[in-house]
Amino acid sequence: MRKHKVTWSSHALKGLSDIYSFVSYRFTPSIAEKVVNGIFEYADQLKHYPYSGPIETKLIPAEENCRYLVYKHTKILYQVKEKEHEVFIRDVFDVRQHISKLKKT
């Protein structure tokens, strides 16, 4: 089976930056770096198992076929682009925040 390329949207990278800032402020930059690196490493499994996450139906219409993974307190929203052998990460956010704070991805 061919590996998929994992691509991060600018919106998802902004989400990672926000998570880093929050954890760094709340704890330490060292812990924030470990959290963000953990998210990258966890999402890396999508290279080999792009369909490992369930389909997201609460935040995004099901017809968009968006999937998600949860790493600790972080949700990773992604789409599989099979023709391109790509996994496109659309958004990353802390699941503890209120739903009204989420921006449309």
N, C-alpha and C. Protein backbone atom coordinates (compact mmCIF):
# COMPACT_ATOMS: atom_id res chain seq x y z
N MET A 1 0.83 -1.18 0.00
CA MET A 1 0.00 0.00 0.00
C MET A 1 0.88 1.25 0.00
N ARG A 2 0.53 2.19 -0.83
CA ARG A 2 1.29 3.43 -0.98
C ARG A 2 1.03 4.37 0.20
N LYS A 3 2.11 5.00 0.69
CA LYS A 3 1.96 5.98 1.78
C LYS A 3 1.28 7.24 1.27
N HIS A 4 0.50 7.86 2.14
CA HIS A 4 -0.13 9.14 1.84
C HIS A 4 0.77 10.26 2.36
N LYS A 5 0.73 11.37 1.67
CA LYS A 5 1.43 12.57 2.12
C LYS A 5 0.50 13.32 3.07
N VAL A 6 1.00 13.79 4.19
CA VAL A 6 0.21 14.56 5.13
C VAL A 6 0.52 16.04 4.91
N THR A 7 -0.52 16.81 4.60
CA THR A 7 -0.39 18.24 4.34
C THR A 7 -1.22 19.01 5.37
N TRP A 8 -0.65 20.06 5.93
CA TRP A 8 -1.32 20.87 6.94
C TRP A 8 -1.78 22.18 6.32
N SER A 9 -3.04 22.53 6.51
CA SER A 9 -3.55 23.83 6.03
C SER A 9 -2.98 24.94 6.90
N SER A 10 -3.02 26.16 6.39
CA SER A 10 -2.55 27.29 7.19
C SER A 10 -3.45 27.47 8.42
N HIS A 11 -4.73 27.14 8.28
CA HIS A 11 -5.67 27.22 9.41
C HIS A 11 -5.27 26.23 10.51
N ALA A 12 -4.90 25.02 10.11
CA ALA A 12 -4.47 24.00 11.09
C ALA A 12 -3.17 24.42 11.77
N LEU A 13 -2.25 24.98 11.01
CA LEU A 13 -0.98 25.43 11.60
C LEU A 13 -1.22 26.59 12.57
N LYS A 14 -2.19 27.44 12.25
CA LYS A 14 -2.56 28.53 13.18
C LYS A 14 -3.13 27.93 14.47
N GLY A 15 -3.92 26.88 14.33
CA GLY A 15 -4.46 26.18 15.51
C GLY A 15 -3.35 25.62 16.38
N LEU A 16 -2.33 25.05 15.74
CA LEU A 16 -1.18 24.55 16.51
C LEU A 16 -0.45 25.68 17.22
N SER A 17 -0.33 26.81 16.54
CA SER A 17 0.32 27.98 17.14
C SER A 17 -0.48 28.46 18.35
N ASP A 18 -1.80 28.47 18.22
CA ASP A 18 -2.66 28.88 19.34
C ASP A 18 -2.51 27.92 20.52
N ILE A 19 -2.46 26.63 20.23
CA ILE A 19 -2.28 25.63 21.30
C ILE A 19 -0.94 25.84 21.98
N TYR A 20 0.11 26.06 21.17
CA TYR A 20 1.44 26.30 21.73
C TYR A 20 1.42 27.52 22.65
N SER A 21 0.81 28.61 22.18
CA SER A 21 0.77 29.84 22.98
C SER A 21 0.03 29.62 24.30
N PHE A 22 -1.10 28.93 24.23
CA PHE A 22 -1.89 28.69 25.44
C PHE A 22 -1.12 27.82 26.44
N VAL A 23 -0.56 26.72 25.97
CA VAL A 23 0.15 25.81 26.88
C VAL A 23 1.41 26.48 27.42
N SER A 24 2.08 27.24 26.58
CA SER A 24 3.28 27.95 27.00
C SER A 24 2.96 28.96 28.10
N TYR A 25 1.85 29.69 27.92
CA TYR A 25 1.42 30.67 28.91
C TYR A 25 0.98 29.99 30.21
N ARG A 26 0.21 28.93 30.06
CA ARG A 26 -0.36 28.24 31.22
C ARG A 26 0.68 27.41 31.97
N PHE A 27 1.62 26.83 31.23
CA PHE A 27 2.64 25.97 31.84
C PHE A 27 4.03 26.50 31.50
N THR A 28 4.70 25.86 30.54
CA THR A 28 6.03 26.33 30.13
C THR A 28 6.20 26.12 28.63
N PRO A 29 7.12 26.86 28.00
CA PRO A 29 7.40 26.63 26.58
C PRO A 29 7.87 25.19 26.30
N SER A 30 8.58 24.62 27.23
CA SER A 30 9.05 23.24 27.05
C SER A 30 7.89 22.25 26.96
N ILE A 31 6.91 22.42 27.83
CA ILE A 31 5.73 21.55 27.80
C ILE A 31 4.93 21.82 26.52
N ALA A 32 4.82 23.09 26.13
CA ALA A 32 4.09 23.44 24.90
C ALA A 32 4.74 22.77 23.69
N GLU A 33 6.05 22.77 23.65
CA GLU A 33 6.77 22.13 22.54
C GLU A 33 6.49 20.62 22.51
N LYS A 34 6.46 19.99 23.67
CA LYS A 34 6.15 18.56 23.73
C LYS A 34 4.74 18.27 23.26
N VAL A 35 3.80 19.13 23.63
CA VAL A 35 2.40 18.95 23.21
C VAL A 35 2.29 19.05 21.69
N VAL A 36 2.85 20.10 21.11
CA VAL A 36 2.77 20.31 19.67
C VAL A 36 3.49 19.19 18.91
N ASN A 37 4.66 18.80 19.38
CA ASN A 37 5.38 17.69 18.74
C ASN A 37 4.57 16.40 18.83
N GLY A 38 3.89 16.19 19.95
CA GLY A 38 3.04 15.02 20.11
C GLY A 38 1.90 15.01 19.10
N ILE A 39 1.32 16.18 18.84
CA ILE A 39 0.24 16.29 17.86
C ILE A 39 0.76 15.93 16.47
N PHE A 40 1.92 16.48 16.10
CA PHE A 40 2.52 16.16 14.80
C PHE A 40 2.79 14.66 14.68
N GLU A 41 3.37 14.08 15.72
CA GLU A 41 3.70 12.65 15.69
C GLU A 41 2.44 11.79 15.61
N TYR A 42 1.41 12.18 16.34
CA TYR A 42 0.16 11.41 16.32
C TYR A 42 -0.49 11.48 14.95
N ALA A 43 -0.51 12.66 14.35
CA ALA A 43 -1.10 12.83 13.02
C ALA A 43 -0.29 12.09 11.95
N ASP A 44 0.96 11.82 12.22
CA ASP A 44 1.84 11.15 11.26
C ASP A 44 1.34 9.74 10.93
N GLN A 45 0.55 9.13 11.83
CA GLN A 45 0.02 7.79 11.55
C GLN A 45 -0.87 7.78 10.31
N LEU A 46 -1.38 8.96 9.94
CA LEU A 46 -2.27 9.05 8.78
C LEU A 46 -1.56 8.74 7.47
N LYS A 47 -0.23 8.80 7.46
CA LYS A 47 0.53 8.41 6.27
C LYS A 47 0.22 6.96 5.91
N HIS A 48 0.11 6.12 6.92
CA HIS A 48 -0.09 4.69 6.71
C HIS A 48 -1.55 4.26 6.89
N TYR A 49 -2.29 4.97 7.72
CA TYR A 49 -3.67 4.62 8.04
C TYR A 49 -4.59 5.83 7.89
N PRO A 50 -4.80 6.29 6.65
CA PRO A 50 -5.58 7.52 6.45
C PRO A 50 -7.04 7.41 6.86
N TYR A 51 -7.57 6.21 6.93
CA TYR A 51 -8.98 6.05 7.30
C TYR A 51 -9.16 5.63 8.75
N SER A 52 -8.13 5.83 9.57
CA SER A 52 -8.19 5.38 10.96
C SER A 52 -9.15 6.20 11.81
N GLY A 53 -9.40 7.44 11.45
CA GLY A 53 -10.31 8.28 12.23
C GLY A 53 -11.74 8.15 11.75
N PRO A 54 -12.70 8.28 12.67
CA PRO A 54 -14.11 8.24 12.26
C PRO A 54 -14.51 9.50 11.49
N ILE A 55 -15.63 9.43 10.79
CA ILE A 55 -16.13 10.58 10.04
C ILE A 55 -16.74 11.58 11.02
N GLU A 56 -16.39 12.85 10.84
CA GLU A 56 -16.91 13.94 11.68
C GLU A 56 -18.27 14.37 11.12
N THR A 57 -19.29 14.32 11.96
CA THR A 57 -20.63 14.72 11.51
C THR A 57 -21.21 15.86 12.34
N LYS A 58 -20.58 16.21 13.45
CA LYS A 58 -21.13 17.25 14.32
C LYS A 58 -20.70 18.66 13.92
N LEU A 59 -19.48 18.80 13.45
CA LEU A 59 -18.95 20.13 13.13
C LEU A 59 -18.99 20.44 11.64
N ILE A 60 -18.95 19.39 10.82
CA ILE A 60 -18.84 19.56 9.38
C ILE A 60 -19.86 18.63 8.72
N PRO A 61 -20.55 19.09 7.68
CA PRO A 61 -21.53 18.22 7.01
C PRO A 61 -20.89 16.90 6.55
N ALA A 62 -21.62 15.81 6.73
CA ALA A 62 -21.10 14.47 6.42
C ALA A 62 -20.67 14.34 4.97
N GLU A 63 -21.33 15.05 4.06
CA GLU A 63 -20.98 14.92 2.64
C GLU A 63 -19.57 15.44 2.33
N GLU A 64 -18.99 16.20 3.24
CA GLU A 64 -17.61 16.67 3.05
C GLU A 64 -16.60 15.58 3.39
N ASN A 65 -17.08 14.48 3.97
CA ASN A 65 -16.26 13.32 4.28
C ASN A 65 -15.00 13.69 5.07
N CYS A 66 -15.20 14.48 6.09
CA CYS A 66 -14.10 14.90 6.95
C CYS A 66 -13.99 13.91 8.10
N ARG A 67 -12.80 13.54 8.44
CA ARG A 67 -12.53 12.60 9.53
C ARG A 67 -11.79 13.32 10.65
N TYR A 68 -11.63 12.63 11.77
CA TYR A 68 -10.90 13.26 12.88
C TYR A 68 -10.15 12.23 13.71
N LEU A 69 -9.14 12.74 14.38
CA LEU A 69 -8.41 12.01 15.41
C LEU A 69 -8.44 12.89 16.66
N VAL A 70 -8.36 12.26 17.82
CA VAL A 70 -8.25 13.01 19.06
C VAL A 70 -6.95 12.60 19.74
N TYR A 71 -6.13 13.61 20.03
CA TYR A 71 -4.87 13.40 20.74
C TYR A 71 -4.95 14.22 22.02
N LYS A 72 -5.02 13.53 23.14
CA LYS A 72 -5.19 14.17 24.44
C LYS A 72 -6.41 15.09 24.39
N HIS A 73 -6.21 16.42 24.45
CA HIS A 73 -7.34 17.36 24.43
C HIS A 73 -7.45 18.06 23.08
N THR A 74 -6.88 17.46 22.04
CA THR A 74 -6.83 18.11 20.73
C THR A 74 -7.55 17.28 19.67
N LYS A 75 -8.39 17.95 18.90
CA LYS A 75 -9.06 17.30 17.78
C LYS A 75 -8.36 17.71 16.49
N ILE A 76 -8.07 16.73 15.65
CA ILE A 76 -7.41 16.94 14.37
C ILE A 76 -8.42 16.58 13.29
N LEU A 77 -8.90 17.58 12.54
CA LEU A 77 -9.86 17.35 11.46
C LEU A 77 -9.10 17.22 10.14
N TYR A 78 -9.44 16.19 9.37
CA TYR A 78 -8.72 15.97 8.12
C TYR A 78 -9.61 15.34 7.05
N GLN A 79 -9.15 15.45 5.81
CA GLN A 79 -9.81 14.81 4.68
C GLN A 79 -8.79 13.96 3.94
N VAL A 80 -9.25 12.83 3.43
CA VAL A 80 -8.40 11.96 2.63
C VAL A 80 -8.66 12.27 1.16
N LYS A 81 -7.60 12.61 0.45
CA LYS A 81 -7.69 12.85 -0.99
C LYS A 81 -7.01 11.66 -1.66
N GLU A 82 -7.81 10.65 -1.93
CA GLU A 82 -7.28 9.36 -2.38
C GLU A 82 -6.54 9.47 -3.71
N LYS A 83 -7.08 10.21 -4.67
CA LYS A 83 -6.43 10.32 -5.98
C LYS A 83 -5.02 10.89 -5.87
N GLU A 84 -4.86 11.83 -4.94
CA GLU A 84 -3.55 12.47 -4.76
C GLU A 84 -2.68 11.76 -3.73
N HIS A 85 -3.22 10.70 -3.12
CA HIS A 85 -2.54 10.01 -2.01
C HIS A 85 -2.11 11.02 -0.95
N GLU A 86 -3.08 11.85 -0.55
CA GLU A 86 -2.81 12.92 0.40
C GLU A 86 -3.84 12.92 1.52
N VAL A 87 -3.37 13.26 2.71
CA VAL A 87 -4.24 13.54 3.84
C VAL A 87 -4.07 15.03 4.11
N PHE A 88 -5.20 15.75 4.04
CA PHE A 88 -5.18 17.19 4.20
C PHE A 88 -5.76 17.54 5.57
N ILE A 89 -4.91 18.05 6.45
CA ILE A 89 -5.36 18.41 7.79
C ILE A 89 -5.95 19.82 7.73
N ARG A 90 -7.26 19.89 8.00
CA ARG A 90 -8.01 21.14 7.88
C ARG A 90 -7.95 22.01 9.12
N ASP A 91 -7.98 21.38 10.30
CA ASP A 91 -8.06 22.17 11.52
C ASP A 91 -7.53 21.35 12.70
N VAL A 92 -7.04 22.05 13.68
CA VAL A 92 -6.57 21.47 14.94
C VAL A 92 -7.02 22.41 16.05
N PHE A 93 -7.68 21.87 17.07
CA PHE A 93 -8.15 22.73 18.15
C PHE A 93 -8.31 21.94 19.44
N ASP A 94 -8.29 22.67 20.54
CA ASP A 94 -8.49 22.09 21.86
C ASP A 94 -9.98 21.80 22.04
N VAL A 95 -10.33 20.58 22.36
CA VAL A 95 -11.74 20.19 22.47
C VAL A 95 -12.42 20.77 23.70
N ARG A 96 -11.66 21.35 24.61
CA ARG A 96 -12.26 21.92 25.82
C ARG A 96 -12.82 23.33 25.59
N GLN A 97 -12.54 23.92 24.44
CA GLN A 97 -13.07 25.26 24.20
C GLN A 97 -14.54 25.18 23.81
N HIS A 98 -15.24 26.25 24.02
CA HIS A 98 -16.67 26.31 23.70
C HIS A 98 -16.86 26.28 22.19
N ILE A 99 -17.87 25.56 21.75
CA ILE A 99 -18.14 25.39 20.32
C ILE A 99 -18.29 26.73 19.59
N SER A 100 -18.78 27.76 20.27
CA SER A 100 -18.97 29.06 19.63
C SER A 100 -17.65 29.73 19.26
N LYS A 101 -16.55 29.28 19.87
CA LYS A 101 -15.25 29.86 19.56
C LYS A 101 -14.62 29.27 18.31
N LEU A 102 -15.16 28.15 17.85
CA LEU A 102 -14.61 27.50 16.66
C LEU A 102 -14.98 28.27 15.41
N LYS A 103 -13.99 28.45 14.55
CA LYS A 103 -14.23 29.11 13.26
C LYS A 103 -14.50 28.03 12.23
N LYS A 104 -15.28 28.38 11.24
CA LYS A 104 -15.55 27.43 10.15
C LYS A 104 -14.24 27.12 9.45
N THR A 105 -13.98 25.81 9.26
CA THR A 105 -12.73 25.40 8.61
C THR A 105 -12.91 25.22 7.13
